[in-house]
Each structure stands twice: as C-alpha cells, then as structure tokens.
Protein backbone atom coordinates (compact mmCIF):
# COMPACT_ATOMS: atom_id res chain seq x y z
CA SER A 1 137.95 231.27 -9.25
CA GLY A 2 135.24 233.96 -9.70
CA ILE A 3 133.11 232.31 -7.15
CA VAL A 4 135.66 231.57 -4.92
CA ALA A 5 136.41 235.54 -4.79
CA CYS A 6 132.65 236.47 -4.53
CA LEU A 7 132.36 234.07 -2.10
CA LEU A 8 135.20 235.62 -0.11
CA VAL A 9 133.76 239.04 -0.66
CA CYS A 10 130.52 237.99 0.82
CA TRP A 11 132.52 236.73 3.67
CA LYS A 12 134.40 239.57 4.33
CA GLY A 13 131.54 242.18 3.90
CA GLY A 14 129.22 239.88 6.32
CA GLU A 15 131.82 240.38 8.95
CA TYR A 16 132.05 243.90 8.51
CA LEU A 17 128.45 244.73 8.55
CA LEU A 18 128.49 242.44 11.65
CA GLU A 19 131.10 244.43 13.26
CA ARG A 20 129.49 247.97 12.37
CA TYR A 21 126.32 247.36 13.07
CA VAL A 22 125.85 244.67 15.32
CA TYR A 23 128.77 243.71 17.74
CA THR A 24 129.51 247.57 18.09
CA ASN A 25 126.24 248.79 18.21
CA PRO A 26 125.30 250.46 21.16
CA ALA A 27 121.74 249.56 21.16
CA LEU A 28 122.84 245.93 22.12
CA ALA A 29 125.12 246.84 24.88
CA ILE A 30 124.12 245.02 28.22
CA ARG A 31 122.21 247.39 30.54
CA HIS A 32 121.18 244.96 33.02
CA VAL A 33 122.50 241.88 34.69
CA GLU A 34 119.38 239.78 36.45
CA ILE A 35 121.24 237.04 38.89
CA SER A 36 119.11 234.71 40.61
CA SER A 37 120.49 231.97 43.02
CA ASP A 38 118.98 229.30 45.68
CA GLY A 39 122.18 229.88 48.02
CA ILE A 40 124.56 232.24 49.80
CA ILE A 41 127.00 233.26 46.99
CA PRO A 42 126.73 237.35 46.37
CA ALA A 43 125.43 238.36 43.27
CA ASP A 44 128.41 240.46 42.87
CA ARG A 45 130.87 237.40 43.29
CA ILE A 46 128.41 235.15 40.81
CA ALA A 47 129.01 238.07 38.21
CA THR A 48 132.71 238.23 38.84
CA TRP A 49 132.78 234.25 38.00
CA ALA A 50 131.14 234.77 35.10
CA ASN A 51 133.54 237.87 33.93
CA VAL A 52 130.78 239.94 31.94
CA LYS A 53 129.95 243.72 32.40
CA VAL A 54 127.50 246.07 32.14
CA GLY A 55 128.24 247.76 28.43
CA GLU A 56 129.34 244.71 26.92
CA ASN A 57 127.67 243.92 23.60
CA LEU A 58 125.20 241.20 24.51
CA LEU A 59 125.20 239.46 20.76
CA ARG A 60 129.13 239.31 21.14
CA LEU A 61 128.94 236.84 24.45
CA ASP A 62 129.49 233.49 24.27
CA LEU A 63 126.85 231.89 26.39
CA SER A 64 128.63 228.54 26.32
CA ARG A 65 132.08 229.88 27.97
CA ILE A 66 130.04 231.86 30.74
CA LYS A 67 127.71 228.52 31.72
CA ARG A 68 131.32 226.72 31.82
CA ASP A 69 133.12 229.16 33.94
CA LEU A 70 130.51 229.30 36.48
CA GLU A 71 129.85 225.52 36.44
CA LEU A 72 133.67 224.94 37.31
CA MET A 73 133.32 226.95 40.63
CA PRO A 74 133.14 223.86 42.99
CA LEU A 75 130.13 225.84 44.77
CA ILE A 76 127.87 225.81 42.12
CA GLU A 77 125.85 222.73 41.00
CA SER A 78 124.64 224.04 37.61
CA ALA A 79 124.39 227.38 35.71
CA SER A 80 122.12 228.81 32.96
CA VAL A 81 122.60 231.72 30.89
CA GLU A 82 120.07 233.77 28.78
CA ARG A 83 120.43 236.96 27.03
CA VAL A 84 117.07 238.89 26.34
CA LEU A 85 117.20 241.63 23.37
CA PRO A 86 118.58 244.45 23.52
CA GLY A 87 120.30 244.61 26.21
CA GLU A 88 119.63 241.99 29.52
CA LEU A 89 121.40 238.84 30.33
CA ILE A 90 120.09 236.26 32.95
CA LEU A 91 122.35 234.24 35.17
CA ARG A 92 120.33 231.22 36.93
CA VAL A 93 122.66 229.62 39.43
CA HIS A 94 122.11 226.34 41.52
CA GLU A 95 124.38 226.08 44.47
CA ARG A 96 125.81 223.18 46.23
CA GLU A 97 124.17 222.79 49.85
CA PRO A 98 126.01 221.11 52.64
CA ILE A 99 123.83 218.26 54.02
CA ALA A 100 126.69 216.46 56.06
CA ARG A 101 129.88 217.49 58.07
CA VAL A 102 133.28 215.48 58.43
CA HIS A 103 135.69 215.97 61.08
CA VAL A 104 139.45 215.41 59.52
CA PHE A 105 142.89 215.87 61.10
CA ALA A 106 145.76 217.06 58.96
CA PRO A 107 149.57 217.84 59.83
CA ARG A 108 149.83 221.97 59.96
CA PRO A 109 152.38 223.34 57.49
CA SER A 110 154.50 224.98 60.79
CA ASP A 111 154.86 222.39 63.05
CA GLY A 112 153.43 219.37 61.84
CA LEU A 113 150.85 218.57 65.03
CA LEU A 114 147.41 217.25 63.76
CA GLU A 115 144.76 219.82 63.42
CA ARG A 116 140.97 219.19 63.39
CA SER A 117 139.03 221.16 60.54
CA LEU A 118 135.67 220.51 59.17
CA ILE A 119 134.59 219.09 55.66
CA PHE A 120 131.17 219.66 53.78
CA LEU A 121 129.47 217.45 51.54
CA ASP A 122 126.67 218.20 49.20
CA VAL A 123 123.99 215.09 48.33
CA GLN A 124 125.91 214.05 45.61
CA GLY A 125 129.13 213.93 47.90
CA VAL A 126 131.07 216.52 46.39
CA VAL A 127 133.18 218.47 48.54
CA ILE A 128 132.54 222.11 49.50
CA PRO A 129 135.52 224.16 49.73
CA GLU A 130 136.09 225.93 52.85
CA PHE A 131 136.42 229.46 51.39
CA VAL A 132 132.61 229.67 51.09
CA ARG A 133 132.48 230.43 54.60
CA GLU A 134 134.84 233.72 54.00
CA ILE A 135 131.85 234.71 50.90
CA ASN A 136 128.91 234.56 53.44
CA THR A 137 129.83 233.53 56.91
CA LYS A 138 126.65 234.11 58.94
CA ALA A 139 124.40 232.50 56.27
CA PHE A 140 126.86 229.53 55.92
CA GLU A 141 126.92 228.95 59.49
CA ASP A 142 123.04 229.19 60.06
CA ALA A 143 123.15 226.38 57.29
CA THR A 144 125.61 224.17 58.94
CA LYS A 145 125.66 224.45 62.51
CA PHE A 146 123.19 221.38 63.26
CA LEU A 147 124.34 219.23 59.90
CA PRO A 148 125.09 215.64 60.93
CA VAL A 149 128.59 214.49 61.61
CA LEU A 150 129.58 211.27 59.32
CA THR A 151 132.14 209.37 61.74
CA GLY A 152 134.15 206.16 60.88
CA VAL A 153 135.31 207.60 57.54
CA GLY A 154 138.59 206.19 58.29
CA ALA A 155 141.54 207.02 55.42
CA THR A 156 138.90 208.68 52.86
CA SER A 157 140.29 211.53 50.38
CA PHE A 158 138.51 214.86 50.63
CA ARG A 159 139.36 217.04 47.55
CA PRO A 160 137.53 220.13 47.01
CA GLY A 161 135.43 220.25 44.10
CA HIS A 162 135.33 216.49 44.00
CA GLN A 163 133.40 213.48 45.07
CA VAL A 164 134.28 211.61 47.94
CA PRO A 165 135.41 207.97 46.53
CA SER A 166 133.93 206.16 49.79
CA ALA A 167 130.74 203.87 48.98
CA GLN A 168 129.56 204.28 52.57
CA ILE A 169 129.67 207.78 52.65
CA LEU A 170 127.80 208.28 49.45
CA ALA A 171 125.19 206.31 51.02
CA ALA A 172 124.85 207.99 54.07
CA LEU A 173 123.92 210.80 52.09
CA LYS A 174 121.40 209.17 49.98
CA TRP A 175 120.09 208.26 53.81
CA ILE A 176 120.27 212.16 54.97
CA LYS A 177 118.18 212.81 52.15
CA ALA A 178 115.80 210.13 52.36
CA PHE A 179 115.00 211.05 56.18
CA GLY A 180 114.37 214.70 55.48
CA GLN A 181 111.53 213.01 53.00
CA SER A 182 110.14 210.98 55.63
CA GLY A 183 108.01 211.01 58.49
CA MET A 184 110.65 210.89 60.96
CA ALA A 185 112.02 214.31 60.03
CA GLY A 186 111.02 216.72 62.99
CA ARG A 187 110.49 213.79 65.31
CA VAL A 188 114.24 213.56 66.16
CA ASP A 189 117.42 215.42 65.26
CA VAL A 190 120.10 213.40 63.82
CA ARG A 191 123.17 214.11 65.54
CA GLU A 192 126.04 211.41 63.99
CA ILE A 193 126.06 208.86 61.31
CA ASP A 194 128.65 206.06 61.55
CA VAL A 195 129.78 204.48 58.58
CA SER A 196 132.53 202.67 59.73
CA SER A 197 130.71 199.22 59.22
CA THR A 198 130.21 197.95 55.63
CA THR A 199 126.94 196.37 56.70
CA ALA A 200 125.18 199.04 58.62
CA LEU A 201 124.63 202.29 59.25
CA LEU A 202 124.66 203.35 62.67
CA VAL A 203 122.46 206.60 63.14
CA THR A 204 122.48 208.41 66.70
CA THR A 205 120.01 211.16 67.45
CA GLU A 206 119.93 214.34 69.50
CA GLN A 207 116.91 212.29 70.97
CA SER A 208 119.25 209.34 72.39
CA ASN A 209 118.07 206.90 70.03
CA GLU A 210 120.43 204.32 68.09
CA ILE A 211 119.28 203.00 64.83
CA SER A 212 121.26 200.68 62.42
CA PHE A 213 120.19 200.79 59.00
CA ALA A 214 120.95 198.37 55.87
CA TYR A 215 122.53 200.07 52.87
CA SER A 216 119.64 199.74 50.87
CA ASN A 217 116.03 200.45 51.05
CA PHE A 218 116.11 203.55 52.99
CA GLU A 219 112.37 204.50 52.22
CA ASP A 220 111.37 201.41 53.89
CA GLN A 221 113.23 201.41 56.74
CA LEU A 222 112.35 204.78 57.78
CA ASN A 223 108.62 203.98 57.19
CA ARG A 224 109.34 201.09 59.67
CA TRP A 225 111.06 203.13 62.45
CA ARG A 226 108.34 205.44 61.89
CA ARG A 227 105.67 202.88 63.16
CA ILE A 228 107.92 201.51 65.93
CA TYR A 229 108.36 205.34 66.99
CA ASP A 230 104.64 205.84 66.85
CA LEU A 231 103.80 202.77 68.87
CA GLY A 232 106.43 203.51 71.35
CA ARG A 233 104.37 206.97 72.06
CA SER A 234 101.47 205.28 72.30
CA ASN A 235 102.70 203.27 75.18
CA ASN A 236 104.71 206.19 76.81
CA GLN A 237 108.19 204.49 75.57
CA MET A 238 111.03 205.90 73.51
CA LEU A 239 113.45 203.64 71.60
CA ALA A 240 117.07 203.57 73.27
CA SER A 241 118.43 201.42 70.12
CA LEU A 242 116.69 199.93 66.96
CA ASP A 243 117.88 197.15 64.71
CA LEU A 244 116.40 197.61 61.01
CA VAL A 245 118.95 195.58 59.48
CA VAL A 246 116.98 192.35 60.71
CA THR A 247 114.01 192.05 58.54
CA ASN A 248 112.36 188.95 59.84
CA TYR A 249 112.24 190.41 63.70
CA ILE A 250 113.10 193.70 65.14
CA PRO A 251 115.31 194.02 67.97
CA ALA A 252 114.57 196.98 69.58
CA VAL A 253 115.09 198.75 73.41
CA TRP A 254 112.92 200.77 74.85
CA LEU A 255 113.03 203.34 77.63
CA GLU A 256 109.73 204.70 79.76
CA LEU A 257 109.11 208.34 78.88
CA THR A 258 108.69 208.66 82.67
CA ASN A 259 111.97 207.62 83.64
CA SER A 260 113.78 209.46 80.60
CA VAL A 261 112.75 213.01 79.03
CA PRO A 262 114.14 213.22 75.65
CA ALA A 263 115.58 216.10 74.57
CA GLU A 264 113.17 218.89 72.61
CA VAL A 265 113.22 218.38 68.81
CA ARG A 266 114.85 221.54 66.94
CA VAL A 267 112.39 224.17 65.62
CA PRO A 268 113.36 223.87 61.82
CA GLN A 269 114.64 226.87 60.65
CA PRO A 270 114.32 228.52 56.86
CA SER A 271 117.75 227.37 55.09
CA PRO A 272 119.66 229.96 53.55
CA TYR A 273 120.30 227.88 50.45
CA ARG A 274 116.15 228.07 49.80
CA LYS A 275 116.13 231.60 48.84
CA LYS A 276 115.10 232.32 45.01
CA HIS A 277 117.10 235.60 44.16
CA VAL A 278 120.21 237.20 45.15
C-alpha cells in the first residue's frame, strides 16, 4: 500500500508540475501559426478548420486531432502538423485538385424540374464539394473552366467527399493523368471523354479528333497516338478519328490540313493548385 501511495503522489505531483510549469507556461504559448498549401483554400479557413489559435499552449495541443480534423474536410487530401518549440505551429495541407467535370441533372426542391449542375472530381475520383467555389471563386473557376467533361456516366452516385463507384469513370481519370504526362499534352486540348462503353473510352479534342482507347495500358496507347500524330503532321494531314483499341492494325481517318484548319491549342496557364504557400 505504501508503494501504491508513493506512485499516486508521484503521479499527481507530475500532473501538478506539468500544469504549473508546462501547460500554463506563457513561454510555450503559440506565437505564430505557419500554414502552407498547394491549393486555393485561404489560410484563415484552414486555421479555422484546425481549430487552433495564437496564445494556446503549444504542448497541450493534440496534433493527431488537428490532422484528423483537417483530413475530414472533403477539400483536403492530406495534412501534416508539426510543432516547433518554443512557440510555432506548422500546418501543411495538400488539397484535392479537380481534373474533370461531370454534368448531372437533379430535381429542384422548389418545383421538381430537372436542373443541371456541375460535379468536379479529383484524380482519385473523389467528389469535390461545390462550396469550394464560394471559398475562392476566381481561383476555382480559373482552375476548372477548361477541364474535360466526362459524358455517358449513367446513374452513377456522386456524394461530396466520397469516391465515385464507377470503374469507367475512375479509368477515365487515370487516362487524364496519363495524358498530362504524355507527349500529346500541349498538342491537343481534350474536350470530352465518353465512358458509356465498357470496352473503350472515346476521347474528343478541341481540334476535332476522336480517339478510342482501351481501358488499360494508357501510356502505350498515348505513345502510339503521338507517333501517328507526328506522321500525319509530316504529311500535312490531321487525324479525324483513330481507334487504338485494335492492336494488330490501326483504323484511322485522315483530313488534309489544307482543307481543314484545326483549332489552336490553348497556351498552358499556371494552375492555382500548384502554388506552395498560402
């Protein structure tokens, strides 16, 4: 019993010392919160979601709670939290970046008439909530106005903050990522991707190309497209349509460039989702 009493005294004494000299020590109060992000959410909004304030005791903070609260926000893909003694807290946030749009129709609560709205998806197929537009309207519209539109999506469920359940849509998003890293990026602008078929994606460009892709080996197919594209340019021709699903030969329809001038490719603009600090 004496040992138990001694341990109890030590425990309570330790609590008292922590409270007296650590958790209420003004020297350990937060003096600066540094927030860095690669996206468009303002720093004050991130600080609000993290629920931390200048003046709080730095050592009393539950860092895992702050990280969890930030990552529960559907606009944030991942977050990290670090304290730097004696008085700095560092929050780093990686935001979900929209890479595709979907037009959906839903009945209006007022009269039941169908109303069109836009759904935005990140590369993982997570639905980005519409309220991000209200947080930073100009940056969001600059980032999304030229995104490719996914068509033929059918009766897919789009729940904000959740991944879409459609395998075809997820494949189309992987294709968009692969296209951005391919040799065709900067040579054509993707307008639409039709996912209605279970055997092929149909990609339509602003330059009036229609290209069919199988649902696998996107990199190989994009490389084949680039080689065929270069061949056509050398012969003063442009592709009207190309079927890359077929592997043993390549069905293609050509147009003479002298008879049809393709639309100019847009000059790439810096993405608001590429900056490093808020």
